[in-house]
C-alpha atoms as a PDB file:
ATOM      1  CA  UNK A   1     -10.801  19.074  -6.292  1.00  0.00           C
ATOM      2  CA  UNK A   2      -9.720  20.325 -10.070  1.00  0.00           C
ATOM      3  CA  UNK A   3      -7.945  23.264  -8.487  1.00  0.00           C
ATOM      4  CA  UNK A   4      -6.160  20.933  -6.154  1.00  0.00           C
ATOM      5  CA  UNK A   5      -5.114  18.424  -8.631  1.00  0.00           C
ATOM      6  CA  UNK A   6      -4.028  21.154 -11.209  1.00  0.00           C
ATOM      7  CA  UNK A   7      -1.636  22.647  -8.413  1.00  0.00           C
ATOM      8  CA  UNK A   8       0.026  19.284  -7.980  1.00  0.00           C
ATOM      9  CA  UNK A   9       0.696  18.627 -11.083  1.00  0.00           C
ATOM     10  CA  UNK A  10       2.320  21.864 -11.790  1.00  0.00           C
ATOM     11  CA  UNK A  11       4.885  21.480  -9.147  1.00  0.00           C
ATOM     12  CA  UNK A  12       7.998  19.897 -10.046  1.00  0.00           C
ATOM     13  CA  UNK A  13       8.728  16.333  -9.187  1.00  0.00           C
ATOM     14  CA  UNK A  14      11.919  16.009  -7.031  1.00  0.00           C
ATOM     15  CA  UNK A  15      15.276  13.602  -7.600  1.00  0.00           C
ATOM     16  CA  UNK A  16      17.213  12.356  -4.304  1.00  0.00           C
ATOM     17  CA  UNK A  17      18.561   9.145  -3.535  1.00  0.00           C
ATOM     18  CA  UNK A  18      16.455   6.853  -1.561  1.00  0.00           C
ATOM     19  CA  UNK A  19      18.858   7.297   1.336  1.00  0.00           C
ATOM     20  CA  UNK A  20      17.947  10.613   1.554  1.00  0.00           C
ATOM     21  CA  UNK A  21      14.182  10.359   1.105  1.00  0.00           C
ATOM     22  CA  UNK A  22      14.136   7.627   4.183  1.00  0.00           C
ATOM     23  CA  UNK A  23      16.099  10.133   6.153  1.00  0.00           C
ATOM     24  CA  UNK A  24      13.308  12.561   5.649  1.00  0.00           C
ATOM     25  CA  UNK A  25      10.771  13.381   7.996  1.00  0.00           C
ATOM     26  CA  UNK A  26      10.074  17.101   8.166  1.00  0.00           C
ATOM     27  CA  UNK A  27       6.828  18.318   6.584  1.00  0.00           C
ATOM     28  CA  UNK A  28       5.397  21.435   5.896  1.00  0.00           C
ATOM     29  CA  UNK A  29       1.959  22.852   4.250  1.00  0.00           C
ATOM     30  CA  UNK A  30       1.623  25.399   1.357  1.00  0.00           C
ATOM     31  CA  UNK A  31      -1.561  25.939  -0.506  1.00  0.00           C
ATOM     32  CA  UNK A  32      -3.131  22.990   1.238  1.00  0.00           C
ATOM     33  CA  UNK A  33      -0.576  20.695   0.146  1.00  0.00           C
ATOM     34  CA  UNK A  34       2.173  18.685   2.192  1.00  0.00           C
ATOM     35  CA  UNK A  35       5.480  18.801   1.402  1.00  0.00           C
ATOM     36  CA  UNK A  36       8.423  16.824   2.708  1.00  0.00           C
ATOM     37  CA  UNK A  37      11.431  18.641   3.170  1.00  0.00           C
ATOM     38  CA  UNK A  38      14.629  16.854   3.181  1.00  0.00           C
ATOM     39  CA  UNK A  39      18.263  16.997   4.868  1.00  0.00           C
ATOM     40  CA  UNK A  40      19.396  18.820   1.358  1.00  0.00           C
ATOM     41  CA  UNK A  41      16.205  21.262   2.017  1.00  0.00           C
ATOM     42  CA  UNK A  42      14.644  19.759  -1.581  1.00  0.00           C
ATOM     43  CA  UNK A  43      10.802  20.811  -1.054  1.00  0.00           C
ATOM     44  CA  UNK A  44       9.177  17.891  -2.552  1.00  0.00           C
ATOM     45  CA  UNK A  45       5.626  16.657  -2.889  1.00  0.00           C
ATOM     46  CA  UNK A  46       6.189  14.314  -5.771  1.00  0.00           C
ATOM     47  CA  UNK A  47       9.111  11.945  -6.288  1.00  0.00           C
ATOM     48  CA  UNK A  48      10.990  10.910  -9.562  1.00  0.00           C
ATOM     49  CA  UNK A  49      13.002   7.657  -9.497  1.00  0.00           C
ATOM     50  CA  UNK A  50      14.359   4.678 -11.083  1.00  0.00           C
ATOM     51  CA  UNK A  51      15.682   1.604  -9.350  1.00  0.00           C
ATOM     52  CA  UNK A  52      16.491  -1.878  -9.462  1.00  0.00           C
ATOM     53  CA  UNK A  53      13.398  -4.099  -8.458  1.00  0.00           C
ATOM     54  CA  UNK A  54      14.187  -6.403  -5.618  1.00  0.00           C
ATOM     55  CA  UNK A  55      10.780  -7.318  -4.224  1.00  0.00           C
ATOM     56  CA  UNK A  56       7.186  -7.028  -5.687  1.00  0.00           C
ATOM     57  CA  UNK A  57       4.303  -8.268  -3.178  1.00  0.00           C
ATOM     58  CA  UNK A  58       0.499  -7.907  -4.113  1.00  0.00           C
ATOM     59  CA  UNK A  59      -1.711  -6.887  -1.571  1.00  0.00           C
ATOM     60  CA  UNK A  60      -5.338  -7.061  -2.619  1.00  0.00           C
ATOM     61  CA  UNK A  61      -5.335  -4.151  -5.763  1.00  0.00           C
ATOM     62  CA  UNK A  62      -2.062  -2.529  -4.575  1.00  0.00           C
ATOM     63  CA  UNK A  63       1.583  -3.873  -5.600  1.00  0.00           C
ATOM     64  CA  UNK A  64       4.285  -3.101  -2.703  1.00  0.00           C
ATOM     65  CA  UNK A  65       7.276  -2.791  -4.815  1.00  0.00           C
ATOM     66  CA  UNK A  66      10.800  -2.680  -3.203  1.00  0.00           C
ATOM     67  CA  UNK A  67      13.613  -0.964  -5.315  1.00  0.00           C
ATOM     68  CA  UNK A  68      17.090  -0.342  -4.673  1.00  0.00           C
ATOM     69  CA  UNK A  69      18.938   3.040  -6.210  1.00  0.00           C
ATOM     70  CA  UNK A  70      22.322   1.471  -4.856  1.00  0.00           C
ATOM     71  CA  UNK A  71      22.160   4.007  -1.850  1.00  0.00           C
ATOM     72  CA  UNK A  72      18.994   2.141   0.121  1.00  0.00           C
ATOM     73  CA  UNK A  73      16.013   0.056  -0.699  1.00  0.00           C
ATOM     74  CA  UNK A  74      12.611   1.890  -0.931  1.00  0.00           C
ATOM     75  CA  UNK A  75       8.878   0.782  -1.137  1.00  0.00           C
ATOM     76  CA  UNK A  76       6.486   2.204  -3.284  1.00  0.00           C
ATOM     77  CA  UNK A  77       2.812   1.203  -3.420  1.00  0.00           C
ATOM     78  CA  UNK A  78       0.661   1.176  -6.854  1.00  0.00           C
ATOM     79  CA  UNK A  79      -2.164  -0.471  -8.432  1.00  0.00           C
ATOM     80  CA  UNK A  80      -1.012   0.893 -12.001  1.00  0.00           C
ATOM     81  CA  UNK A  81       0.779  -0.672 -14.645  1.00  0.00           C
ATOM     82  CA  UNK A  82       2.023  -3.596 -12.755  1.00  0.00           C
ATOM     83  CA  UNK A  83       0.246  -6.527 -14.502  1.00  0.00           C
ATOM     84  CA  UNK A  84       1.553  -5.431 -17.967  1.00  0.00           C
ATOM     85  CA  UNK A  85       5.034  -4.989 -17.282  1.00  0.00           C
ATOM     86  CA  UNK A  86       8.151  -7.533 -16.666  1.00  0.00           C
ATOM     87  CA  UNK A  87       8.724  -6.499 -13.001  1.00  0.00           C
ATOM     88  CA  UNK A  88       6.178  -9.176 -11.721  1.00  0.00           C
ATOM     89  CA  UNK A  89       9.005 -11.568 -12.289  1.00  0.00           C
ATOM     90  CA  UNK A  90      11.663  -9.480 -10.662  1.00  0.00           C
ATOM     91  CA  UNK A  91      12.694 -11.979  -8.613  1.00  0.00           C
ATOM     92  CA  UNK A  92      14.032 -14.363 -11.258  1.00  0.00           C
ATOM     93  CA  UNK A  93      17.808 -14.555 -10.878  1.00  0.00           C
ATOM     94  CA  UNK A  94      18.277 -14.616 -14.483  1.00  0.00           C
ATOM     95  CA  UNK A  95      17.309 -11.114 -15.103  1.00  0.00           C
ATOM     96  CA  UNK A  96      17.598  -7.850 -13.489  1.00  0.00           C
ATOM     97  CA  UNK A  97      14.982  -5.283 -13.631  1.00  0.00           C
ATOM     98  CA  UNK A  98      14.638  -1.729 -13.568  1.00  0.00           C
ATOM     99  CA  UNK A  99      11.627   0.277 -13.390  1.00  0.00           C
ATOM    100  CA  UNK A 100      11.056   4.072 -13.708  1.00  0.00           C
ATOM    101  CA  UNK A 101       8.257   5.834 -11.347  1.00  0.00           C
ATOM    102  CA  UNK A 102       6.422   9.321 -10.784  1.00  0.00           C
ATOM    103  CA  UNK A 103       5.031   8.995  -7.194  1.00  0.00           C
ATOM    104  CA  UNK A 104       3.043  11.232  -4.775  1.00  0.00           C
ATOM    105  CA  UNK A 105       4.631  11.738  -1.372  1.00  0.00           C
ATOM    106  CA  UNK A 106       2.173  10.921   1.350  1.00  0.00           C
ATOM    107  CA  UNK A 107       2.623  11.323   5.077  1.00  0.00           C
ATOM    108  CA  UNK A 108       1.858   8.565   7.229  1.00  0.00           C
ATOM    109  CA  UNK A 109       1.627   8.669  11.164  1.00  0.00           C
ATOM    110  CA  UNK A 110       1.680   5.624  13.329  1.00  0.00           C
ATOM    111  CA  UNK A 111       1.942   5.158  17.073  1.00  0.00           C
ATOM    112  CA  UNK A 112       5.423   5.155  18.277  1.00  0.00           C
ATOM    113  CA  UNK A 113       6.964   6.055  14.950  1.00  0.00           C
ATOM    114  CA  UNK A 114       5.980   9.539  14.361  1.00  0.00           C
ATOM    115  CA  UNK A 115       5.542  10.857  10.920  1.00  0.00           C
ATOM    116  CA  UNK A 116       7.303   9.544   8.114  1.00  0.00           C
ATOM    117  CA  UNK A 117       6.785   9.815   4.016  1.00  0.00           C
ATOM    118  CA  UNK A 118       5.744   7.030   1.507  1.00  0.00           C
ATOM    119  CA  UNK A 119       5.301   6.867  -2.003  1.00  0.00           C
ATOM    120  CA  UNK A 120       2.176   6.229  -3.860  1.00  0.00           C
ATOM    121  CA  UNK A 121       3.101   5.745  -7.341  1.00  0.00           C
ATOM    122  CA  UNK A 122       1.278   7.625  -9.929  1.00  0.00           C
ATOM    123  CA  UNK A 123       3.283   6.005 -13.045  1.00  0.00           C
ATOM    124  CA  UNK A 124       5.063   3.106 -13.380  1.00  0.00           C
ATOM    125  CA  UNK A 125       7.054   1.596 -16.214  1.00  0.00           C
ATOM    126  CA  UNK A 126       9.866  -0.948 -17.024  1.00  0.00           C
ATOM    127  CA  UNK A 127      13.570   0.697 -17.650  1.00  0.00           C
ATOM    128  CA  UNK A 128      16.559  -0.079 -19.114  1.00  0.00           C
ATOM    129  CA  UNK A 129      19.672  -0.264 -17.022  1.00  0.00           C
ATOM    130  CA  UNK A 130      21.461   2.888 -18.842  1.00  0.00           C
ATOM    131  CA  UNK A 131      18.342   4.854 -17.623  1.00  0.00           C
ATOM    132  CA  UNK A 132      18.953   3.954 -14.352  1.00  0.00           C
ATOM    133  CA  UNK A 133      22.717   5.064 -14.511  1.00  0.00           C
ATOM    134  CA  UNK A 134      21.291   8.223 -16.315  1.00  0.00           C
ATOM    135  CA  UNK A 135      19.329   8.912 -13.486  1.00  0.00           C
ATOM    136  CA  UNK A 136      22.150   8.525 -10.757  1.00  0.00           C
ATOM    137  CA  UNK A 137      24.218  10.692 -12.645  1.00  0.00           C
ATOM    138  CA  UNK A 138      21.510  13.473 -12.573  1.00  0.00           C
ATOM    139  CA  UNK A 139      20.301  12.826  -9.084  1.00  0.00           C
ATOM    140  CA  UNK A 140      23.831  13.311  -8.063  1.00  0.00           C
ATOM    141  CA  UNK A 141      24.673  16.313  -9.782  1.00  0.00           C
ATOM    142  CA  UNK A 142      21.359  17.896  -8.104  1.00  0.00           C
ATOM    143  CA  UNK A 143      22.288  16.658  -4.706  1.00  0.00           C
ATOM    144  CA  UNK A 144      25.583  18.271  -4.507  1.00  0.00           C
ATOM    145  CA  UNK A 145      23.932  21.277  -6.047  1.00  0.00           C
ATOM    146  CA  UNK A 146      21.733  22.023  -3.044  1.00  0.00           C
ATOM    147  CA  UNK A 147      24.456  20.853  -0.841  1.00  0.00           C
ATOM    148  CA  UNK A 148      26.600  23.485  -2.140  1.00  0.00           C
ATOM    149  CA  UNK A 149      23.771  26.087  -2.112  1.00  0.00           C
ATOM    150  CA  UNK A 150      23.124  25.047   1.930  1.00  0.00           C
ATOM    151  CA  UNK A 151      27.300  25.646   2.408  1.00  0.00           C
ATOM    152  CA  UNK A 152      27.188  29.199   0.672  1.00  0.00           C
ATOM    153  CA  UNK A 153      24.095  30.158   2.267  1.00  0.00           C
ATOM    154  CA  UNK A 154      22.425  31.105  -1.135  1.00  0.00           C
ATOM    155  CA  UNK A 155      18.659  30.954  -1.696  1.00  0.00           C
ATOM    156  CA  UNK A 156      17.113  29.785  -4.957  1.00  0.00           C
ATOM    157  CA  UNK A 157      13.459  29.099  -6.098  1.00  0.00           C
ATOM    158  CA  UNK A 158      14.007  25.613  -6.024  1.00  0.00           C
ATOM    159  CA  UNK A 159      14.639  25.787  -2.280  1.00  0.00           C
ATOM    160  CA  UNK A 160      12.637  27.243   0.659  1.00  0.00           C
ATOM    161  CA  UNK A 161      11.707  30.511   2.004  1.00  0.00           C
ATOM    162  CA  UNK A 162      14.222  31.536   5.104  1.00  0.00           C
ATOM    163  CA  UNK A 163      11.842  30.616   7.763  1.00  0.00           C
ATOM    164  CA  UNK A 164      11.397  27.180   6.419  1.00  0.00           C
ATOM    165  CA  UNK A 165      15.090  26.799   5.472  1.00  0.00           C
ATOM    166  CA  UNK A 166      15.941  27.804   9.278  1.00  0.00           C
ATOM    167  CA  UNK A 167      13.379  25.227  10.761  1.00  0.00           C
ATOM    168  CA  UNK A 168      14.828  22.191   8.292  1.00  0.00           C
ATOM    169  CA  UNK A 169      18.283  23.141   9.448  1.00  0.00           C
ATOM    170  CA  UNK A 170      17.663  22.701  13.078  1.00  0.00           C
ATOM    171  CA  UNK A 171      15.258  19.702  12.809  1.00  0.00           C
ATOM    172  CA  UNK A 172      18.077  17.456  11.286  1.00  0.00           C
ATOM    173  CA  UNK A 173      20.970  19.607  13.236  1.00  0.00           C
ATOM    174  CA  UNK A 174      22.502  20.109   9.690  1.00  0.00           C
ATOM    175  CA  UNK A 175      26.299  20.907   9.977  1.00  0.00           C
ATOM    176  CA  UNK A 176      29.310  20.654   7.731  1.00  0.00           C
ATOM    177  CA  UNK A 177      30.047  16.900   8.775  1.00  0.00           C
ATOM    178  CA  UNK A 178      26.561  16.107   7.506  1.00  0.00           C
ATOM    179  CA  UNK A 179      26.652  17.688   4.536  1.00  0.00           C
ATOM    180  CA  UNK A 180      29.744  16.029   3.679  1.00  0.00           C
ATOM    181  CA  UNK A 181      28.299  12.665   4.391  1.00  0.00           C
ATOM    182  CA  UNK A 182      25.350  13.660   2.289  1.00  0.00           C
ATOM    183  CA  UNK A 183      27.744  14.263  -0.769  1.00  0.00           C
ATOM    184  CA  UNK A 184      29.498  11.186  -0.256  1.00  0.00           C
ATOM    185  CA  UNK A 185      26.525   9.171  -0.579  1.00  0.00           C
ATOM    186  CA  UNK A 186      26.015  10.877  -4.114  1.00  0.00           C
ATOM    187  CA  UNK A 187      29.740  10.558  -5.020  1.00  0.00           C
ATOM    188  CA  UNK A 188      29.821   6.858  -3.847  1.00  0.00           C
ATOM    189  CA  UNK A 189      26.447   6.054  -5.867  1.00  0.00           C
ATOM    190  CA  UNK A 190      28.426   7.411  -9.002  1.00  0.00           C
ATOM    191  CA  UNK A 191      31.306   5.433  -8.374  1.00  0.00           C
ATOM    192  CA  UNK A 192      29.427   2.175  -7.972  1.00  0.00           C
ATOM    193  CA  UNK A 193      27.708   2.706 -10.902  1.00  0.00           C
ATOM    194  CA  UNK A 194      30.626   3.098 -13.053  1.00  0.00           C
ATOM    195  CA  UNK A 195      32.410   0.192 -11.334  1.00  0.00           C
ATOM    196  CA  UNK A 196      29.019  -1.815 -12.238  1.00  0.00           C
ATOM    197  CA  UNK A 197      29.056  -0.696 -15.952  1.00  0.00           C
ATOM    198  CA  UNK A 198      32.610  -1.447 -16.158  1.00  0.00           C
ATOM    199  CA  UNK A 199      32.111  -4.831 -14.848  1.00  0.00           C
ATOM    200  CA  UNK A 200      28.869  -5.535 -16.991  1.00  0.00           C
ATOM    201  CA  UNK A 201      31.245  -4.346 -20.170  1.00  0.00           C
ATOM    202  CA  UNK A 202      34.322  -6.396 -19.240  1.00  0.00           C
ATOM    203  CA  UNK A 203      31.694  -9.526 -19.057  1.00  0.00           C
ATOM    204  CA  UNK A 204      30.186  -8.790 -22.285  1.00  0.00           C
ATOM    205  CA  UNK A 205      33.628  -8.487 -23.855  1.00  0.00           C
ATOM    206  CA  UNK A 206      34.799 -11.698 -22.587  1.00  0.00           C
ATOM    207  CA  UNK A 207      31.882 -13.508 -23.426  1.00  0.00           C
ATOM    208  CA  UNK A 208      31.846 -12.410 -27.334  1.00  0.00           C
ATOM    209  CA  UNK A 209      35.460 -12.734 -27.948  1.00  0.00           C
ATOM    210  CA  UNK A 210      34.928 -16.603 -26.429  1.00  0.00           C
ATOM    211  CA  UNK A 211      32.070 -16.924 -28.351  1.00  0.00           C
ATOM    212  CA  UNK A 212      34.532 -16.156 -31.564  1.00  0.00           C
ATOM    213  CA  UNK A 213      36.694 -19.081 -30.909  1.00  0.00           C
ATOM    214  CA  UNK A 214      40.545 -19.275 -31.783  1.00  0.00           C
ATOM    215  CA  UNK A 215      39.942 -16.838 -34.507  1.00  0.00           C
ATOM    216  CA  UNK A 216      39.236 -13.898 -32.196  1.00  0.00           C
ATOM    217  CA  UNK A 217      37.784 -10.791 -32.778  1.00  0.00           C
ATOM    218  CA  UNK A 218      38.997  -7.505 -34.617  1.00  0.00           C
ATOM    219  CA  UNK A 219      38.950  -4.697 -32.180  1.00  0.00           C
ATOM    220  CA  UNK A 220      36.780  -2.704 -34.546  1.00  0.00           C
ATOM    221  CA  UNK A 221      34.250  -5.110 -34.954  1.00  0.00           C
ATOM    222  CA  UNK A 222      34.026  -5.753 -31.209  1.00  0.00           C
ATOM    223  CA  UNK A 223      33.705  -1.859 -30.480  1.00  0.00           C
ATOM    224  CA  UNK A 224      30.702  -1.776 -33.355  1.00  0.00           C
ATOM    225  CA  UNK A 225      28.863  -4.544 -31.855  1.00  0.00           C
ATOM    226  CA  UNK A 226      29.005  -3.148 -28.301  1.00  0.00           C
ATOM    227  CA  UNK A 227      28.199   0.225 -29.600  1.00  0.00           C
ATOM    228  CA  UNK A 228      24.878  -1.068 -30.980  1.00  0.00           C
ATOM    229  CA  UNK A 229      24.230  -2.436 -27.323  1.00  0.00           C
ATOM    230  CA  UNK A 230      24.500   1.354 -26.369  1.00  0.00           C
ATOM    231  CA  UNK A 231      28.097   1.358 -25.077  1.00  0.00           C
ATOM    232  CA  UNK A 232      30.489   3.895 -25.653  1.00  0.00           C
ATOM    233  CA  UNK A 233      33.717   3.421 -28.071  1.00  0.00           C
ATOM    234  CA  UNK A 234      35.629   5.281 -25.236  1.00  0.00           C
ATOM    235  CA  UNK A 235      34.278   2.775 -22.372  1.00  0.00           C
ATOM    236  CA  UNK A 236      34.999  -0.242 -24.486  1.00  0.00           C
ATOM    237  CA  UNK A 237      38.718   0.792 -25.626  1.00  0.00           C
ATOM    238  CA  UNK A 238      39.661   1.548 -21.836  1.00  0.00           C
ATOM    239  CA  UNK A 239      38.143  -1.724 -20.848  1.00  0.00           C
ATOM    240  CA  UNK A 240      40.187  -3.750 -23.757  1.00  0.00           C
ATOM    241  CA  UNK A 241      43.204  -1.957 -22.821  1.00  0.00           C
ATOM    242  CA  UNK A 242      42.487  -2.927 -18.884  1.00  0.00           C
ATOM    243  CA  UNK A 243      42.183  -6.580 -20.120  1.00  0.00           C
ATOM    244  CA  UNK A 244      45.388  -6.499 -21.864  1.00  0.00           C
ATOM    245  CA  UNK A 245      47.102  -4.738 -19.235  1.00  0.00           C
ATOM    246  CA  UNK A 246      45.897  -7.403 -16.718  1.00  0.00           C
ATOM    247  CA  UNK A 247      47.108 -10.187 -19.338  1.00  0.00           C
ATOM    248  CA  UNK A 248      43.515 -11.622 -19.531  1.00  0.00           C
ATOM    249  CA  UNK A 249      43.443 -10.996 -23.185  1.00  0.00           C
ATOM    250  CA  UNK A 250      46.163  -9.876 -26.211  1.00  0.00           C
ATOM    251  CA  UNK A 251      45.787  -7.977 -29.268  1.00  0.00           C
ATOM    252  CA  UNK A 252      47.760  -9.102 -32.482  1.00  0.00           C
ATOM    253  CA  UNK A 253      49.531  -6.929 -34.740  1.00  0.00           C
ATOM    254  CA  UNK A 254      46.507  -7.531 -37.263  1.00  0.00           C
ATOM    255  CA  UNK A 255      44.240  -5.778 -34.583  1.00  0.00           C
ATOM    256  CA  UNK A 256      42.614  -8.881 -33.548  1.00  0.00           C
ATOM    257  CA  UNK A 257      41.858  -9.388 -30.107  1.00  0.00           C
ATOM    258  CA  UNK A 258      41.911 -12.776 -28.020  1.00  0.00           C
ATOM    259  CA  UNK A 259      41.476 -14.080 -24.582  1.00  0.00           C
END
């Protein structure tokens, strides 16, 4: 048992969008451990993810947590960490809640449903939105990288041996159209994140200038205040310029910004 746990711990955790995970139902066994092979041919028995909490349901000592990464909603099951974190209040409208999890991929079989993968979370903690955004960017990059490897038919140590790769491609009937669709999922996730990021920044700027009243805020002061919240100067300047262009706000020659 100790050797099995040690081997399990040494296997790197996968990153993939939840939509791809939910599409995946091809399993292989290596060294006594089950691995899920996905449509982009990631070989996975542990998953690392970040998402926004949509629902928390307690079933005895186990929590079923539904989280969304902007591509799909995924259920994970855990008996760890929920009591101590803020995610128990995830259904409250006033606050969006994000979590990071590391989970083991398990195979579940049922009558009429075949095999499917579920996630048993080994570690769960509360996260910030910027961590979710970073995960989306990193996961999109890794997804596109796997897709490009499949397009070029190259092999990589992080992928599969030739026989399993061939079986996976046949199982999912992967062709260029399906690879294009998987790539669009990754690209749209990043686009959605940036749109939301811009909208959040926009709301923060309008709220801060509104609170400043008739005197307005000097652009530099506004940028410094938002940088303290983790936003970049480039993003703040871009959103300010957009607000001016839309005639929602204006900037005086003195550099004072008013809305």
